[in-house]
Structure formats: structure tokens, C-alpha cells
C-alpha atoms as a PDB file:
ATOM      1  CA  UNK A   1      -3.630  -4.747 -12.488  1.00  0.00           C
ATOM      2  CA  UNK A   2      -4.971  -2.328 -15.068  1.00  0.00           C
ATOM      3  CA  UNK A   3      -8.662  -3.135 -14.601  1.00  0.00           C
ATOM      4  CA  UNK A   4      -9.430   0.373 -13.344  1.00  0.00           C
ATOM      5  CA  UNK A   5      -9.761  -0.257  -9.597  1.00  0.00           C
ATOM      6  CA  UNK A   6      -8.534   3.149  -8.491  1.00  0.00           C
ATOM      7  CA  UNK A   7     -10.212   5.233 -11.188  1.00  0.00           C
ATOM      8  CA  UNK A   8     -13.533   3.403 -11.000  1.00  0.00           C
ATOM      9  CA  UNK A   9     -13.274   3.209  -7.203  1.00  0.00           C
ATOM     10  CA  UNK A  10     -12.956   6.991  -6.862  1.00  0.00           C
ATOM     11  CA  UNK A  11     -15.953   7.542  -9.117  1.00  0.00           C
ATOM     12  CA  UNK A  12     -17.986   4.875  -7.335  1.00  0.00           C
ATOM     13  CA  UNK A  13     -17.210   6.445  -3.961  1.00  0.00           C
ATOM     14  CA  UNK A  14     -18.360   9.819  -5.256  1.00  0.00           C
ATOM     15  CA  UNK A  15     -21.537   8.280  -6.688  1.00  0.00           C
ATOM     16  CA  UNK A  16     -22.295   6.537  -3.369  1.00  0.00           C
ATOM     17  CA  UNK A  17     -21.231   9.548  -1.281  1.00  0.00           C
ATOM     18  CA  UNK A  18     -18.622   7.466   0.546  1.00  0.00           C
ATOM     19  CA  UNK A  19     -14.944   8.041   1.205  1.00  0.00           C
ATOM     20  CA  UNK A  20     -12.470   6.356  -1.138  1.00  0.00           C
ATOM     21  CA  UNK A  21      -9.340   4.581   0.052  1.00  0.00           C
ATOM     22  CA  UNK A  22      -6.671   3.032  -2.136  1.00  0.00           C
ATOM     23  CA  UNK A  23      -4.815   0.241  -0.336  1.00  0.00           C
ATOM     24  CA  UNK A  24      -1.699   0.737  -2.480  1.00  0.00           C
ATOM     25  CA  UNK A  25      -1.553   4.427  -1.541  1.00  0.00           C
ATOM     26  CA  UNK A  26      -1.998   3.568   2.144  1.00  0.00           C
ATOM     27  CA  UNK A  27       0.762   0.946   1.921  1.00  0.00           C
ATOM     28  CA  UNK A  28       3.101   3.518   0.377  1.00  0.00           C
ATOM     29  CA  UNK A  29       2.270   5.976   3.169  1.00  0.00           C
ATOM     30  CA  UNK A  30       2.868   3.355   5.864  1.00  0.00           C
ATOM     31  CA  UNK A  31       6.121   2.147   4.268  1.00  0.00           C
ATOM     32  CA  UNK A  32       7.469   5.588   3.420  1.00  0.00           C
ATOM     33  CA  UNK A  33       8.309   4.513  -0.132  1.00  0.00           C
ATOM     34  CA  UNK A  34       6.646   3.562  -3.396  1.00  0.00           C
ATOM     35  CA  UNK A  35       5.458   0.027  -4.034  1.00  0.00           C
ATOM     36  CA  UNK A  36       8.178  -0.559  -6.683  1.00  0.00           C
ATOM     37  CA  UNK A  37      10.784   0.614  -4.139  1.00  0.00           C
ATOM     38  CA  UNK A  38       9.302  -1.655  -1.460  1.00  0.00           C
ATOM     39  CA  UNK A  39       9.395  -4.659  -3.827  1.00  0.00           C
ATOM     40  CA  UNK A  40      13.016  -3.890  -4.701  1.00  0.00           C
ATOM     41  CA  UNK A  41      14.130  -3.480  -1.068  1.00  0.00           C
ATOM     42  CA  UNK A  42      12.090  -6.173   0.678  1.00  0.00           C
ATOM     43  CA  UNK A  43      10.541  -8.482  -1.929  1.00  0.00           C
ATOM     44  CA  UNK A  44       7.006  -9.549  -2.726  1.00  0.00           C
ATOM     45  CA  UNK A  45       6.462 -11.712   0.386  1.00  0.00           C
ATOM     46  CA  UNK A  46       7.134  -8.780   2.735  1.00  0.00           C
ATOM     47  CA  UNK A  47       4.914  -6.563   0.590  1.00  0.00           C
ATOM     48  CA  UNK A  48       2.032  -9.068   0.738  1.00  0.00           C
ATOM     49  CA  UNK A  49       2.367  -9.327   4.528  1.00  0.00           C
ATOM     50  CA  UNK A  50       2.194  -5.543   4.922  1.00  0.00           C
ATOM     51  CA  UNK A  51      -0.624  -5.340   2.396  1.00  0.00           C
ATOM     52  CA  UNK A  52      -2.688  -7.808   4.434  1.00  0.00           C
ATOM     53  CA  UNK A  53      -2.201  -5.784   7.633  1.00  0.00           C
ATOM     54  CA  UNK A  54      -3.054  -2.473   5.948  1.00  0.00           C
ATOM     55  CA  UNK A  55      -6.212  -3.879   4.356  1.00  0.00           C
ATOM     56  CA  UNK A  56      -7.317  -5.359   7.711  1.00  0.00           C
ATOM     57  CA  UNK A  57      -6.990  -1.864   9.211  1.00  0.00           C
ATOM     58  CA  UNK A  58      -8.794  -0.181   6.307  1.00  0.00           C
ATOM     59  CA  UNK A  59     -11.741  -2.577   6.568  1.00  0.00           C
ATOM     60  CA  UNK A  60     -12.461  -1.267  10.061  1.00  0.00           C
ATOM     61  CA  UNK A  61     -14.633   1.758  10.758  1.00  0.00           C
ATOM     62  CA  UNK A  62     -17.186   3.489   8.619  1.00  0.00           C
ATOM     63  CA  UNK A  63     -18.264   2.248   5.172  1.00  0.00           C
ATOM     64  CA  UNK A  64     -15.986   3.222   2.304  1.00  0.00           C
ATOM     65  CA  UNK A  65     -14.983   2.184  -1.177  1.00  0.00           C
ATOM     66  CA  UNK A  66     -11.640   0.417  -0.924  1.00  0.00           C
ATOM     67  CA  UNK A  67      -9.491  -0.409  -3.946  1.00  0.00           C
ATOM     68  CA  UNK A  68      -7.100  -3.255  -3.208  1.00  0.00           C
ATOM     69  CA  UNK A  69      -4.096  -4.273  -5.240  1.00  0.00           C
ATOM     70  CA  UNK A  70      -4.451  -7.112  -7.711  1.00  0.00           C
ATOM     71  CA  UNK A  71      -2.729  -9.678  -5.489  1.00  0.00           C
ATOM     72  CA  UNK A  72      -4.515  -8.813  -2.248  1.00  0.00           C
ATOM     73  CA  UNK A  73      -7.592 -10.960  -2.923  1.00  0.00           C
ATOM     74  CA  UNK A  74      -5.328 -13.977  -3.463  1.00  0.00           C
ATOM     75  CA  UNK A  75      -4.586 -14.022   0.279  1.00  0.00           C
ATOM     76  CA  UNK A  76      -7.171 -16.287   1.936  1.00  0.00           C
ATOM     77  CA  UNK A  77      -7.137 -14.358   5.215  1.00  0.00           C
ATOM     78  CA  UNK A  78      -7.658 -11.077   3.358  1.00  0.00           C
ATOM     79  CA  UNK A  79     -10.530 -12.615   1.358  1.00  0.00           C
ATOM     80  CA  UNK A  80     -12.142 -13.790   4.598  1.00  0.00           C
ATOM     81  CA  UNK A  81     -11.804 -10.323   6.140  1.00  0.00           C
ATOM     82  CA  UNK A  82     -13.290  -8.724   3.038  1.00  0.00           C
ATOM     83  CA  UNK A  83     -16.187 -11.211   3.045  1.00  0.00           C
ATOM     84  CA  UNK A  84     -16.983 -10.460   6.699  1.00  0.00           C
ATOM     85  CA  UNK A  85     -16.767  -6.673   6.473  1.00  0.00           C
ATOM     86  CA  UNK A  86     -17.749  -5.688   2.944  1.00  0.00           C
ATOM     87  CA  UNK A  87     -18.998  -6.501  -0.524  1.00  0.00           C
ATOM     88  CA  UNK A  88     -16.275  -7.500  -2.948  1.00  0.00           C
ATOM     89  CA  UNK A  89     -16.376  -6.365  -6.566  1.00  0.00           C
ATOM     90  CA  UNK A  90     -14.151  -7.834  -9.275  1.00  0.00           C
ATOM     91  CA  UNK A  91     -13.547  -5.599 -12.282  1.00  0.00           C
ATOM     92  CA  UNK A  92     -12.953  -8.275 -14.907  1.00  0.00           C
ATOM     93  CA  UNK A  93     -11.107  -7.299 -18.081  1.00  0.00           C
ATOM     94  CA  UNK A  94      -9.625  -9.135 -21.030  1.00  0.00           C
ATOM     95  CA  UNK A  95      -5.932  -9.556 -21.692  1.00  0.00           C
ATOM     96  CA  UNK A  96      -5.634  -7.071 -24.569  1.00  0.00           C
ATOM     97  CA  UNK A  97      -7.204  -4.266 -22.543  1.00  0.00           C
ATOM     98  CA  UNK A  98      -5.108  -4.974 -19.469  1.00  0.00           C
ATOM     99  CA  UNK A  99      -1.862  -5.128 -21.433  1.00  0.00           C
ATOM    100  CA  UNK A 100      -2.652  -1.863 -23.215  1.00  0.00           C
ATOM    101  CA  UNK A 101      -3.254  -0.177 -19.858  1.00  0.00           C
ATOM    102  CA  UNK A 102      -0.381  -1.595 -17.796  1.00  0.00           C
ATOM    103  CA  UNK A 103       2.296  -0.946 -20.410  1.00  0.00           C
ATOM    104  CA  UNK A 104       1.573   2.803 -20.497  1.00  0.00           C
ATOM    105  CA  UNK A 105       3.672   3.317 -17.357  1.00  0.00           C
ATOM    106  CA  UNK A 106       6.751   1.620 -15.935  1.00  0.00           C
ATOM    107  CA  UNK A 107       5.591   1.315 -12.315  1.00  0.00           C
ATOM    108  CA  UNK A 108       4.434  -2.323 -12.118  1.00  0.00           C
ATOM    109  CA  UNK A 109       6.994  -4.431 -10.196  1.00  0.00           C
ATOM    110  CA  UNK A 110       5.493  -7.747 -11.260  1.00  0.00           C
ATOM    111  CA  UNK A 111       5.902  -6.816 -14.935  1.00  0.00           C
ATOM    112  CA  UNK A 112       9.612  -6.003 -14.752  1.00  0.00           C
ATOM    113  CA  UNK A 113      10.735  -9.625 -14.888  1.00  0.00           C
ATOM    114  CA  UNK A 114       9.776 -10.498 -18.463  1.00  0.00           C
ATOM    115  CA  UNK A 115       7.263 -10.012 -21.251  1.00  0.00           C
ATOM    116  CA  UNK A 116       4.289  -8.065 -19.810  1.00  0.00           C
ATOM    117  CA  UNK A 117       1.748  -9.917 -21.962  1.00  0.00           C
ATOM    118  CA  UNK A 118       3.003 -13.339 -20.851  1.00  0.00           C
ATOM    119  CA  UNK A 119       3.134 -12.236 -17.217  1.00  0.00           C
ATOM    120  CA  UNK A 120      -0.375 -10.803 -17.392  1.00  0.00           C
ATOM    121  CA  UNK A 121      -1.680 -14.040 -18.947  1.00  0.00           C
ATOM    122  CA  UNK A 122      -0.042 -16.096 -16.198  1.00  0.00           C
ATOM    123  CA  UNK A 123      -1.491 -13.802 -13.507  1.00  0.00           C
ATOM    124  CA  UNK A 124      -4.939 -14.041 -15.091  1.00  0.00           C
ATOM    125  CA  UNK A 125      -4.702 -17.840 -15.201  1.00  0.00           C
ATOM    126  CA  UNK A 126      -3.730 -17.921 -11.509  1.00  0.00           C
ATOM    127  CA  UNK A 127      -5.974 -15.176 -10.205  1.00  0.00           C
ATOM    128  CA  UNK A 128      -9.207 -15.194 -12.198  1.00  0.00           C
ATOM    129  CA  UNK A 129     -10.558 -18.394 -10.572  1.00  0.00           C
ATOM    130  CA  UNK A 130     -10.040 -16.762  -7.145  1.00  0.00           C
ATOM    131  CA  UNK A 131     -11.348 -13.369  -8.268  1.00  0.00           C
ATOM    132  CA  UNK A 132     -14.507 -15.182  -9.395  1.00  0.00           C
ATOM    133  CA  UNK A 133     -15.285 -15.703  -5.686  1.00  0.00           C
ATOM    134  CA  UNK A 134     -16.115 -11.978  -5.424  1.00  0.00           C
ATOM    135  CA  UNK A 135     -19.680 -11.039  -4.491  1.00  0.00           C
ATOM    136  CA  UNK A 136     -20.074  -9.019  -7.688  1.00  0.00           C
ATOM    137  CA  UNK A 137     -18.361  -9.456 -11.051  1.00  0.00           C
ATOM    138  CA  UNK A 138     -18.385  -6.460 -13.398  1.00  0.00           C
ATOM    139  CA  UNK A 139     -16.831  -6.335 -16.838  1.00  0.00           C
ATOM    140  CA  UNK A 140     -14.398  -3.475 -17.232  1.00  0.00           C
ATOM    141  CA  UNK A 141     -14.014  -2.478 -20.847  1.00  0.00           C
ATOM    142  CA  UNK A 142     -12.561   0.369 -22.867  1.00  0.00           C
ATOM    143  CA  UNK A 143     -15.770   2.377 -22.527  1.00  0.00           C
ATOM    144  CA  UNK A 144     -16.358   5.261 -20.123  1.00  0.00           C
ATOM    145  CA  UNK A 145     -15.585   4.609 -16.464  1.00  0.00           C
ATOM    146  CA  UNK A 146     -19.006   6.010 -15.584  1.00  0.00           C
ATOM    147  CA  UNK A 147     -20.618   3.066 -17.402  1.00  0.00           C
ATOM    148  CA  UNK A 148     -18.637   0.650 -15.204  1.00  0.00           C
ATOM    149  CA  UNK A 149     -19.715   2.610 -12.119  1.00  0.00           C
ATOM    150  CA  UNK A 150     -23.363   2.354 -13.179  1.00  0.00           C
ATOM    151  CA  UNK A 151     -23.022  -1.415 -13.661  1.00  0.00           C
ATOM    152  CA  UNK A 152     -21.589  -1.698 -10.150  1.00  0.00           C
ATOM    153  CA  UNK A 153     -24.384   0.417  -8.638  1.00  0.00           C
ATOM    154  CA  UNK A 154     -27.001  -1.703 -10.412  1.00  0.00           C
ATOM    155  CA  UNK A 155     -25.374  -4.915  -9.133  1.00  0.00           C
ATOM    156  CA  UNK A 156     -25.156  -3.550  -5.577  1.00  0.00           C
ATOM    157  CA  UNK A 157     -28.832  -2.571  -5.673  1.00  0.00           C
ATOM    158  CA  UNK A 158     -29.716  -6.090  -6.848  1.00  0.00           C
ATOM    159  CA  UNK A 159     -27.697  -7.583  -3.962  1.00  0.00           C
ATOM    160  CA  UNK A 160     -29.487  -5.306  -1.492  1.00  0.00           C
ATOM    161  CA  UNK A 161     -32.882  -6.427  -2.826  1.00  0.00           C
ATOM    162  CA  UNK A 162     -31.889 -10.096  -2.381  1.00  0.00           C
ATOM    163  CA  UNK A 163     -30.931  -9.552   1.274  1.00  0.00           C
END
């Protein structure tokens, strides 16, 4: 949450001449409501179930850049699907940067239950060890998104050379 998945993903897709898909956007389209509305009506467990199904569908077909929500990679089945069908990239960012980004807008359901900084720290503590299983780890900082895209392209080229 706040690492730049959608923004960097769009730019990476353009750089690689691939289509871009945002899992959160696709979930909203399938559900007919926003993610905050879905959380409010059905809860996080139902959201995660739908998220897993949508990502499984999006992983099919032609190559693309797919941005998944921050909790998607925590699902073991989703991680396995991603590992079989794609290359996973974790945009790693520090707490201060993430908090500054996620508090700009009030559309983050997981942050509505308390202090955003404390919640983000707890999520980082829970998720970062799992995110570290990604094929590629790229630091996302406050610099230009194009620099992050170039780091991803360089890492992908290095992976291709190793294969």
C-alpha cells in the first residue's frame, strides 16, 4: 500500500510495450463497487476470496504487467499462481514514505481502524517477510517513478540472462 504499484506498473507496461492491468480496478469492476465499499459491505475475508479469483483470471492469457493489491501476495495459492505464470516484483519502501503516500487520500479500508502509521508498521512486519519471496526486489523511493522502472527493467534483464 503506497509503494507505487499502479503508477510504476503503468510506466513499466509502457516501457515493455505490454498491457497494464490493475487487480484492484478489475475487482471493483467485477464487484460493481469500490474496494472501500466492498470491505464495508462484505468484509476483508470476502474481498480476499474475490481478489484471489480475479488475479487467477488475470494471470491467464498474454503477457502483461499486473499490479496486485498489497494483501494479495500474502495468499499462498495466489503466490503459487504468480510463481507459475509470471515474475513477481516487490516494490519495497520504508515506513515514512509509505505513510506520507497513504495518508494523502482517505480510500484505504485497512487504515480506517486506527493510527495509519501503527497499522502500516504492523502490516510491514507481517508482510515484508512474505514479500521478500518475490523474484525481484526493487526499492521504491521518493525519486522519479522512471528511475524505479529502470531498476525493474535492469533486474528483469539480469533474470533473463540467468535463465
